[in-house]
PDB file of N, CA and C in Angstrom:
ATOM      1  N   UNK A   1     162.567 150.168  73.551  1.00  0.00           N
ATOM      2  CA  UNK A   1     161.904 149.719  75.066  1.00  0.00           C
ATOM      3  C   UNK A   1     161.109 148.422  75.148  1.00  0.00           C
ATOM      4  N   UNK A   2     161.309 147.933  76.092  1.00  0.00           N
ATOM      5  CA  UNK A   2     160.669 146.416  76.372  1.00  0.00           C
ATOM      6  C   UNK A   2     159.138 146.541  76.542  1.00  0.00           C
ATOM      7  N   UNK A   3     158.450 145.545  75.872  1.00  0.00           N
ATOM      8  CA  UNK A   3     156.903 145.649  76.008  1.00  0.00           C
ATOM      9  C   UNK A   3     156.249 145.962  77.448  1.00  0.00           C
ATOM     10  N   UNK A   4     156.877 145.447  78.615  1.00  0.00           N
ATOM     11  CA  UNK A   4     156.381 145.895  79.945  1.00  0.00           C
ATOM     12  C   UNK A   4     156.589 147.430  80.077  1.00  0.00           C
ATOM     13  N   UNK A   5     157.775 147.818  79.693  1.00  0.00           N
ATOM     14  CA  UNK A   5     157.902 149.347  80.108  1.00  0.00           C
ATOM     15  C   UNK A   5     156.897 150.400  79.016  1.00  0.00           C
ATOM     16  N   UNK A   6     156.583 149.824  77.879  1.00  0.00           N
ATOM     17  CA  UNK A   6     155.817 150.332  77.043  1.00  0.00           C
ATOM     18  C   UNK A   6     154.548 150.470  77.523  1.00  0.00           C
ATOM     19  N   UNK A   7     154.066 149.119  78.088  1.00  0.00           N
ATOM     20  CA  UNK A   7     152.845 149.110  78.417  1.00  0.00           C
ATOM     21  C   UNK A   7     152.282 150.137  79.536  1.00  0.00           C
ATOM     22  N   UNK A   8     153.101 150.158  80.709  1.00  0.00           N
ATOM     23  CA  UNK A   8     153.175 150.739  81.695  1.00  0.00           C
ATOM     24  C   UNK A   8     153.183 152.509  81.107  1.00  0.00           C
ATOM     25  N   UNK A   9     154.111 152.802  80.411  1.00  0.00           N
ATOM     26  CA  UNK A   9     154.166 154.351  79.814  1.00  0.00           C
ATOM     27  C   UNK A   9     152.957 154.540  79.095  1.00  0.00           C
ATOM     28  N   UNK A  10     152.098 153.758  78.486  1.00  0.00           N
ATOM     29  CA  UNK A  10     150.692 154.107  77.777  1.00  0.00           C
ATOM     30  C   UNK A  10     149.861 154.073  78.856  1.00  0.00           C
ATOM     31  N   UNK A  11     149.913 153.236  79.778  1.00  0.00           N
ATOM     32  CA  UNK A  11     148.903 153.507  80.914  1.00  0.00           C
ATOM     33  C   UNK A  11     149.127 154.786  81.640  1.00  0.00           C
ATOM     34  N   UNK A  12     150.362 155.186  82.139  1.00  0.00           N
ATOM     35  CA  UNK A  12     150.551 156.476  82.496  1.00  0.00           C
ATOM     36  C   UNK A  12     150.165 157.579  81.916  1.00  0.00           C
ATOM     37  N   UNK A  13     150.405 157.080  80.520  1.00  0.00           N
ATOM     38  CA  UNK A  13     149.692 158.539  79.664  1.00  0.00           C
ATOM     39  C   UNK A  13     148.344 158.843  79.781  1.00  0.00           C
ATOM     40  N   UNK A  14     147.519 158.005  80.288  1.00  0.00           N
ATOM     41  CA  UNK A  14     146.063 158.138  80.659  1.00  0.00           C
ATOM     42  C   UNK A  14     145.904 158.953  81.499  1.00  0.00           C
ATOM     43  N   UNK A  15     146.476 159.534  82.367  1.00  0.00           N
ATOM     44  CA  UNK A  15     146.346 160.036  83.685  1.00  0.00           C
ATOM     45  C   UNK A  15     145.579 161.556  83.668  1.00  0.00           C
ATOM     46  N   UNK A  16     145.543 161.881  82.465  1.00  0.00           N
ATOM     47  CA  UNK A  16     144.632 163.118  82.072  1.00  0.00           C
ATOM     48  C   UNK A  16     145.018 164.551  82.810  1.00  0.00           C
ATOM     49  N   UNK A  17     146.472 164.528  83.150  1.00  0.00           N
ATOM     50  CA  UNK A  17     146.673 166.093  83.897  1.00  0.00           C
ATOM     51  C   UNK A  17     146.708 166.914  83.050  1.00  0.00           C
ATOM     52  N   UNK A  18     147.550 166.582  81.943  1.00  0.00           N
ATOM     53  CA  UNK A  18     147.667 167.625  80.772  1.00  0.00           C
ATOM     54  C   UNK A  18     146.407 168.575  80.554  1.00  0.00           C
ATOM     55  N   UNK A  19     146.750 169.876  80.681  1.00  0.00           N
ATOM     56  CA  UNK A  19     145.590 170.755  80.410  1.00  0.00           C
ATOM     57  C   UNK A  19     145.117 170.547  78.968  1.00  0.00           C
ATOM     58  N   UNK A  20     145.827 169.707  78.071  1.00  0.00           N
ATOM     59  CA  UNK A  20     145.380 169.923  76.488  1.00  0.00           C
ATOM     60  C   UNK A  20     144.793 168.290  76.453  1.00  0.00           C
ATOM     61  N   UNK A  21     144.632 167.362  77.622  1.00  0.00           N
ATOM     62  CA  UNK A  21     144.313 166.124  77.530  1.00  0.00           C
ATOM     63  C   UNK A  21     143.011 165.922  76.892  1.00  0.00           C
ATOM     64  N   UNK A  22     142.967 164.878  75.822  1.00  0.00           N
ATOM     65  CA  UNK A  22     141.520 164.484  75.252  1.00  0.00           C
ATOM     66  C   UNK A  22     140.906 163.620  76.501  1.00  0.00           C
ATOM     67  N   UNK A  23     139.879 164.181  77.131  1.00  0.00           N
ATOM     68  CA  UNK A  23     139.221 163.495  77.943  1.00  0.00           C
ATOM     69  C   UNK A  23     137.798 162.980  77.666  1.00  0.00           C
ATOM     70  N   UNK A  24     137.426 162.853  76.410  1.00  0.00           N
ATOM     71  CA  UNK A  24     136.301 162.064  75.810  1.00  0.00           C
ATOM     72  C   UNK A  24     136.234 160.811  76.108  1.00  0.00           C
ATOM     73  N   UNK A  25     137.214 159.890  76.395  1.00  0.00           N
ATOM     74  CA  UNK A  25     137.014 158.604  76.804  1.00  0.00           C
ATOM     75  C   UNK A  25     136.475 158.570  78.493  1.00  0.00           C
ATOM     76  N   UNK A  26     136.643 159.511  79.204  1.00  0.00           N
ATOM     77  CA  UNK A  26     136.337 159.449  80.752  1.00  0.00           C
ATOM     78  C   UNK A  26     134.913 159.971  80.894  1.00  0.00           C
ATOM     79  N   UNK A  27     134.490 159.269  81.749  1.00  0.00           N
ATOM     80  CA  UNK A  27     132.995 159.773  82.416  1.00  0.00           C
ATOM     81  C   UNK A  27     133.238 160.819  83.512  1.00  0.00           C
ATOM     82  N   UNK A  28     134.395 161.052  83.660  1.00  0.00           N
ATOM     83  CA  UNK A  28     134.595 161.961  84.991  1.00  0.00           C
ATOM     84  C   UNK A  28     135.342 163.302  84.377  1.00  0.00           C
ATOM     85  N   UNK A  29     135.021 163.658  83.319  1.00  0.00           N
ATOM     86  CA  UNK A  29     136.001 164.998  82.640  1.00  0.00           C
ATOM     87  C   UNK A  29     135.866 165.861  83.612  1.00  0.00           C
ATOM     88  N   UNK A  30     135.144 166.129  84.237  1.00  0.00           N
ATOM     89  CA  UNK A  30     135.087 167.351  85.467  1.00  0.00           C
ATOM     90  C   UNK A  30     136.172 167.038  86.438  1.00  0.00           C
ATOM     91  N   UNK A  31     135.906 165.799  86.888  1.00  0.00           N
ATOM     92  CA  UNK A  31     136.990 165.701  87.999  1.00  0.00           C
ATOM     93  C   UNK A  31     138.393 165.489  87.634  1.00  0.00           C
ATOM     94  N   UNK A  32     138.684 165.404  86.278  1.00  0.00           N
ATOM     95  CA  UNK A  32     139.928 165.517  85.796  1.00  0.00           C
ATOM     96  C   UNK A  32     140.470 166.804  85.452  1.00  0.00           C
ATOM     97  N   UNK A  33     139.475 167.743  84.930  1.00  0.00           N
ATOM     98  CA  UNK A  33     139.719 169.057  85.004  1.00  0.00           C
ATOM     99  C   UNK A  33     139.940 169.836  86.442  1.00  0.00           C
ATOM    100  N   UNK A  34     139.367 169.438  87.658  1.00  0.00           N
ATOM    101  CA  UNK A  34     139.689 170.092  88.746  1.00  0.00           C
ATOM    102  C   UNK A  34     141.043 169.385  88.945  1.00  0.00           C
ATOM    103  N   UNK A  35     141.294 168.128  88.901  1.00  0.00           N
ATOM    104  CA  UNK A  35     142.655 167.929  89.268  1.00  0.00           C
ATOM    105  C   UNK A  35     143.683 168.611  88.093  1.00  0.00           C
ATOM    106  N   UNK A  36     143.404 168.682  86.950  1.00  0.00           N
ATOM    107  CA  UNK A  36     144.275 169.773  86.406  1.00  0.00           C
ATOM    108  C   UNK A  36     144.576 170.949  86.625  1.00  0.00           C
ATOM    109  N   UNK A  37     143.617 171.575  87.500  1.00  0.00           N
ATOM    110  CA  UNK A  37     143.821 173.021  88.219  1.00  0.00           C
ATOM    111  C   UNK A  37     144.717 172.677  89.637  1.00  0.00           C
ATOM    112  N   UNK A  38     144.411 171.728  90.306  1.00  0.00           N
ATOM    113  CA  UNK A  38     144.812 171.790  91.592  1.00  0.00           C
ATOM    114  C   UNK A  38     146.372 170.934  91.473  1.00  0.00           C
ATOM    115  N   UNK A  39     146.528 170.132  90.654  1.00  0.00           N
ATOM    116  CA  UNK A  39     147.604 169.525  90.679  1.00  0.00           C
ATOM    117  C   UNK A  39     148.675 170.432  89.289  1.00  0.00           C
ATOM    118  N   UNK A  40     149.253 171.080  89.805  1.00  0.00           N
ATOM    119  CA  UNK A  40     150.130 171.902  88.792  1.00  0.00           C
ATOM    120  C   UNK A  40     151.774 171.993  89.146  1.00  0.00           C
ATOM    121  N   UNK A  41     152.084 171.689  90.358  1.00  0.00           N
ATOM    122  CA  UNK A  41     153.500 171.896  90.671  1.00  0.00           C
ATOM    123  C   UNK A  41     154.184 170.611  90.433  1.00  0.00           C
ATOM    124  N   UNK A  42     155.452 170.512  89.911  1.00  0.00           N
ATOM    125  CA  UNK A  42     155.957 169.510  89.588  1.00  0.00           C
ATOM    126  C   UNK A  42     156.029 168.431  90.589  1.00  0.00           C
ATOM    127  N   UNK A  43     156.326 168.752  91.768  1.00  0.00           N
ATOM    128  CA  UNK A  43     156.537 167.754  92.895  1.00  0.00           C
ATOM    129  C   UNK A  43     154.942 167.112  92.901  1.00  0.00           C
ATOM    130  N   UNK A  44     153.960 167.904  92.734  1.00  0.00           N
ATOM    131  CA  UNK A  44     152.506 167.274  93.051  1.00  0.00           C
ATOM    132  C   UNK A  44     152.425 166.534  91.898  1.00  0.00           C
ATOM    133  N   UNK A  45     152.446 166.813  90.832  1.00  0.00           N
ATOM    134  CA  UNK A  45     152.480 165.804  89.440  1.00  0.00           C
ATOM    135  C   UNK A  45     153.085 164.511  89.892  1.00  0.00           C
ATOM    136  N   UNK A  46     154.469 164.611  90.325  1.00  0.00           N
ATOM    137  CA  UNK A  46     155.307 163.549  90.437  1.00  0.00           C
ATOM    138  C   UNK A  46     154.607 162.572  91.668  1.00  0.00           C
ATOM    139  N   UNK A  47     154.313 163.145  92.675  1.00  0.00           N
ATOM    140  CA  UNK A  47     153.319 162.477  93.823  1.00  0.00           C
ATOM    141  C   UNK A  47     152.450 161.633  93.292  1.00  0.00           C
ATOM    142  N   UNK A  48     151.558 162.241  92.335  1.00  0.00           N
ATOM    143  CA  UNK A  48     150.206 161.795  91.613  1.00  0.00           C
ATOM    144  C   UNK A  48     150.624 160.459  90.844  1.00  0.00           C
ATOM    145  N   UNK A  49     151.787 160.962  89.939  1.00  0.00           N
ATOM    146  CA  UNK A  49     152.123 159.676  89.084  1.00  0.00           C
ATOM    147  C   UNK A  49     152.655 158.515  89.952  1.00  0.00           C
ATOM    148  N   UNK A  50     153.224 158.810  90.695  1.00  0.00           N
ATOM    149  CA  UNK A  50     153.635 157.594  91.726  1.00  0.00           C
ATOM    150  C   UNK A  50     152.855 156.927  92.141  1.00  0.00           C
ATOM    151  N   UNK A  51     151.598 157.566  92.660  1.00  0.00           N
ATOM    152  CA  UNK A  51     150.476 156.851  93.371  1.00  0.00           C
ATOM    153  C   UNK A  51     149.570 155.902  92.150  1.00  0.00           C
ATOM    154  N   UNK A  52     149.433 156.731  91.058  1.00  0.00           N
ATOM    155  CA  UNK A  52     148.650 156.149  89.898  1.00  0.00           C
ATOM    156  C   UNK A  52     149.432 155.052  89.653  1.00  0.00           C
ATOM    157  N   UNK A  53     150.543 155.187  89.170  1.00  0.00           N
ATOM    158  CA  UNK A  53     151.540 154.146  88.706  1.00  0.00           C
ATOM    159  C   UNK A  53     151.434 152.661  89.824  1.00  0.00           C
ATOM    160  N   UNK A  54     151.432 153.168  90.847  1.00  0.00           N
ATOM    161  CA  UNK A  54     151.498 151.995  91.878  1.00  0.00           C
ATOM    162  C   UNK A  54     150.197 151.473  91.988  1.00  0.00           C
ATOM    163  N   UNK A  55     149.203 152.224  91.781  1.00  0.00           N
ATOM    164  CA  UNK A  55     147.773 151.564  91.701  1.00  0.00           C
ATOM    165  C   UNK A  55     147.598 150.889  90.579  1.00  0.00           C
ATOM    166  N   UNK A  56     148.077 151.344  89.300  1.00  0.00           N
ATOM    167  CA  UNK A  56     147.809 150.647  87.874  1.00  0.00           C
ATOM    168  C   UNK A  56     148.661 149.297  88.080  1.00  0.00           C
ATOM    169  N   UNK A  57     149.899 149.182  88.409  1.00  0.00           N
ATOM    170  CA  UNK A  57     150.552 147.958  88.718  1.00  0.00           C
ATOM    171  C   UNK A  57     150.077 146.934  89.533  1.00  0.00           C
ATOM    172  N   UNK A  58     149.549 147.650  90.926  1.00  0.00           N
ATOM    173  CA  UNK A  58     148.831 146.474  91.687  1.00  0.00           C
ATOM    174  C   UNK A  58     147.504 146.052  91.141  1.00  0.00           C
ATOM    175  N   UNK A  59     146.857 146.817  90.506  1.00  0.00           N
ATOM    176  CA  UNK A  59     145.598 146.222  89.977  1.00  0.00           C
ATOM    177  C   UNK A  59     145.786 145.337  88.630  1.00  0.00           C
ATOM    178  N   UNK A  60     146.870 145.405  87.736  1.00  0.00           N
ATOM    179  CA  UNK A  60     147.265 144.656  87.061  1.00  0.00           C
ATOM    180  C   UNK A  60     147.796 143.365  87.483  1.00  0.00           C
ATOM    181  N   UNK A  61     148.793 143.547  88.568  1.00  0.00           N
ATOM    182  CA  UNK A  61     149.293 142.292  89.295  1.00  0.00           C
ATOM    183  C   UNK A  61     148.120 141.469  89.609  1.00  0.00           C
ATOM    184  N   UNK A  62     147.291 141.973  90.571  1.00  0.00           N
ATOM    185  CA  UNK A  62     146.025 141.126  91.304  1.00  0.00           C
ATOM    186  C   UNK A  62     145.379 140.670  90.090  1.00  0.00           C
ATOM    187  N   UNK A  63     144.833 141.058  89.129  1.00  0.00           N
ATOM    188  CA  UNK A  63     144.299 140.305  88.164  1.00  0.00           C
ATOM    189  C   UNK A  63     144.979 139.093  87.439  1.00  0.00           C
ATOM    190  N   UNK A  64     146.150 139.539  87.046  1.00  0.00           N
ATOM    191  CA  UNK A  64     146.853 138.346  86.441  1.00  0.00           C
ATOM    192  C   UNK A  64     146.837 137.298  87.527  1.00  0.00           C
ATOM    193  N   UNK A  65     147.241 137.550  88.710  1.00  0.00           N
ATOM    194  CA  UNK A  65     147.316 136.475  89.854  1.00  0.00           C
ATOM    195  C   UNK A  65     146.081 135.559  89.989  1.00  0.00           C
ATOM    196  N   UNK A  66     144.818 136.418  89.856  1.00  0.00           N
ATOM    197  CA  UNK A  66     143.596 135.823  89.996  1.00  0.00           C
ATOM    198  C   UNK A  66     143.511 134.887  88.629  1.00  0.00           C
ATOM    199  N   UNK A  67     143.674 135.073  87.656  1.00  0.00           N
ATOM    200  CA  UNK A  67     143.503 134.571  86.170  1.00  0.00           C
ATOM    201  C   UNK A  67     144.763 133.387  86.273  1.00  0.00           C
ATOM    202  N   UNK A  68     145.721 133.397  86.826  1.00  0.00           N
ATOM    203  CA  UNK A  68     146.868 132.510  86.898  1.00  0.00           C
ATOM    204  C   UNK A  68     146.201 131.409  87.872  1.00  0.00           C
ATOM    205  N   UNK A  69     145.459 131.875  88.590  1.00  0.00           N
ATOM    206  CA  UNK A  69     145.330 130.785  89.896  1.00  0.00           C
ATOM    207  C   UNK A  69     146.040 131.003  90.753  1.00  0.00           C
ATOM    208  N   UNK A  70     146.588 131.957  91.304  1.00  0.00           N
ATOM    209  CA  UNK A  70     147.565 132.061  92.126  1.00  0.00           C
ATOM    210  C   UNK A  70     146.942 132.582  93.719  1.00  0.00           C
ATOM    211  N   UNK A  71     145.567 132.625  93.494  1.00  0.00           N
ATOM    212  CA  UNK A  71     145.049 132.928  94.882  1.00  0.00           C
ATOM    213  C   UNK A  71     143.823 131.886  94.976  1.00  0.00           C
ATOM    214  N   UNK A  72     143.017 132.058  96.547  1.00  0.00           N
ATOM    215  CA  UNK A  72     141.780 131.229  96.549  1.00  0.00           C
ATOM    216  C   UNK A  72     140.768 131.853  95.668  1.00  0.00           C
ATOM    217  N   UNK A  73     140.720 133.049  95.292  1.00  0.00           N
ATOM    218  CA  UNK A  73     139.627 133.401  94.162  1.00  0.00           C
ATOM    219  C   UNK A  73     139.813 132.774  92.863  1.00  0.00           C
ATOM    220  N   UNK A  74     141.063 132.670  92.678  1.00  0.00           N
ATOM    221  CA  UNK A  74     141.226 132.292  91.236  1.00  0.00           C
ATOM    222  C   UNK A  74     140.557 131.045  91.272  1.00  0.00           C
ATOM    223  N   UNK A  75     141.161 129.806  92.501  1.00  0.00           N
ATOM    224  CA  UNK A  75     140.885 128.697  92.327  1.00  0.00           C
ATOM    225  C   UNK A  75     139.197 128.510  92.374  1.00  0.00           C
ATOM    226  N   UNK A  76     138.496 129.620  93.047  1.00  0.00           N
ATOM    227  CA  UNK A  76     136.943 129.335  93.381  1.00  0.00           C
ATOM    228  C   UNK A  76     136.305 129.818  92.240  1.00  0.00           C
ATOM    229  N   UNK A  77     136.598 130.686  91.358  1.00  0.00           N
ATOM    230  CA  UNK A  77     135.733 131.701  90.592  1.00  0.00           C
ATOM    231  C   UNK A  77     136.388 131.826  89.115  1.00  0.00           C
ATOM    232  N   UNK A  78     137.520 132.133  89.121  1.00  0.00           N
ATOM    233  CA  UNK A  78     137.989 132.531  87.581  1.00  0.00           C
ATOM    234  C   UNK A  78     138.436 131.436  86.847  1.00  0.00           C
ATOM    235  N   UNK A  79     138.960 130.241  87.697  1.00  0.00           N
ATOM    236  CA  UNK A  79     139.603 128.996  86.954  1.00  0.00           C
ATOM    237  C   UNK A  79     138.758 127.710  87.211  1.00  0.00           C
ATOM    238  N   UNK A  80     138.015 127.088  86.174  1.00  0.00           N
ATOM    239  CA  UNK A  80     137.170 126.146  86.041  1.00  0.00           C
ATOM    240  C   UNK A  80     137.980 124.944  86.718  1.00  0.00           C
ATOM    241  N   UNK A  81     137.723 124.018  87.865  1.00  0.00           N
ATOM    242  CA  UNK A  81     138.556 123.243  88.516  1.00  0.00           C
ATOM    243  C   UNK A  81     138.493 121.913  87.399  1.00  0.00           C
ATOM    244  N   UNK A  82     137.654 121.702  86.731  1.00  0.00           N
ATOM    245  CA  UNK A  82     137.915 120.506  86.129  1.00  0.00           C
ATOM    246  C   UNK A  82     138.403 120.628  84.563  1.00  0.00           C
ATOM    247  N   UNK A  83     138.010 121.849  83.856  1.00  0.00           N
ATOM    248  CA  UNK A  83     138.637 121.782  82.490  1.00  0.00           C
ATOM    249  C   UNK A  83     139.795 122.684  82.733  1.00  0.00           C
ATOM    250  N   UNK A  84     140.040 123.469  83.831  1.00  0.00           N
ATOM    251  CA  UNK A  84     141.319 124.359  83.990  1.00  0.00           C
ATOM    252  C   UNK A  84     141.310 125.596  83.250  1.00  0.00           C
ATOM    253  N   UNK A  85     140.170 125.996  82.690  1.00  0.00           N
ATOM    254  CA  UNK A  85     140.003 127.054  81.594  1.00  0.00           C
ATOM    255  C   UNK A  85     139.380 128.357  82.597  1.00  0.00           C
ATOM    256  N   UNK A  86     139.700 129.344  82.057  1.00  0.00           N
ATOM    257  CA  UNK A  86     139.307 130.671  82.828  1.00  0.00           C
ATOM    258  C   UNK A  86     137.877 131.150  82.479  1.00  0.00           C
ATOM    259  N   UNK A  87     137.141 131.324  83.895  1.00  0.00           N
ATOM    260  CA  UNK A  87     135.893 131.834  83.659  1.00  0.00           C
ATOM    261  C   UNK A  87     135.565 132.879  82.975  1.00  0.00           C
ATOM    262  N   UNK A  88     136.708 133.690  82.512  1.00  0.00           N
ATOM    263  CA  UNK A  88     136.321 134.743  81.851  1.00  0.00           C
ATOM    264  C   UNK A  88     136.254 134.728  80.624  1.00  0.00           C
ATOM    265  N   UNK A  89     136.562 133.532  79.843  1.00  0.00           N
ATOM    266  CA  UNK A  89     136.174 132.915  78.669  1.00  0.00           C
ATOM    267  C   UNK A  89     134.844 132.818  78.459  1.00  0.00           C
ATOM    268  N   UNK A  90     134.208 132.321  79.585  1.00  0.00           N
ATOM    269  CA  UNK A  90     132.764 131.907  79.424  1.00  0.00           C
ATOM    270  C   UNK A  90     132.033 133.296  79.489  1.00  0.00           C
ATOM    271  N   UNK A  91     132.485 134.442  79.902  1.00  0.00           N
ATOM    272  CA  UNK A  91     131.593 135.671  80.114  1.00  0.00           C
ATOM    273  C   UNK A  91     131.530 136.166  78.602  1.00  0.00           C
ATOM    274  N   UNK A  92     132.011 136.058  77.505  1.00  0.00           N
ATOM    275  CA  UNK A  92     131.926 136.607  76.406  1.00  0.00           C
ATOM    276  C   UNK A  92     130.528 135.740  75.751  1.00  0.00           C
TER     277      UNK A  92
END
């Protein structure tokens, strides 16, 4: 499996809809438990997974574009115009 597919597979596994999912990482365990009860039919799970996958891909893509200098936000905030270094490095 290529690295990109593996990344998105691992991100998808975080969804938390499995009744035996380990949710100790989440601040919203009760919300996950509610969704586990409500989203039980396969077509409901598939719809939720599609939306979640699209959201994750969109957020990752947007972050990478900002870091890469591909939009106005990156030019003004994330990339130092003089050094061309990411401002994210300076946050550490």
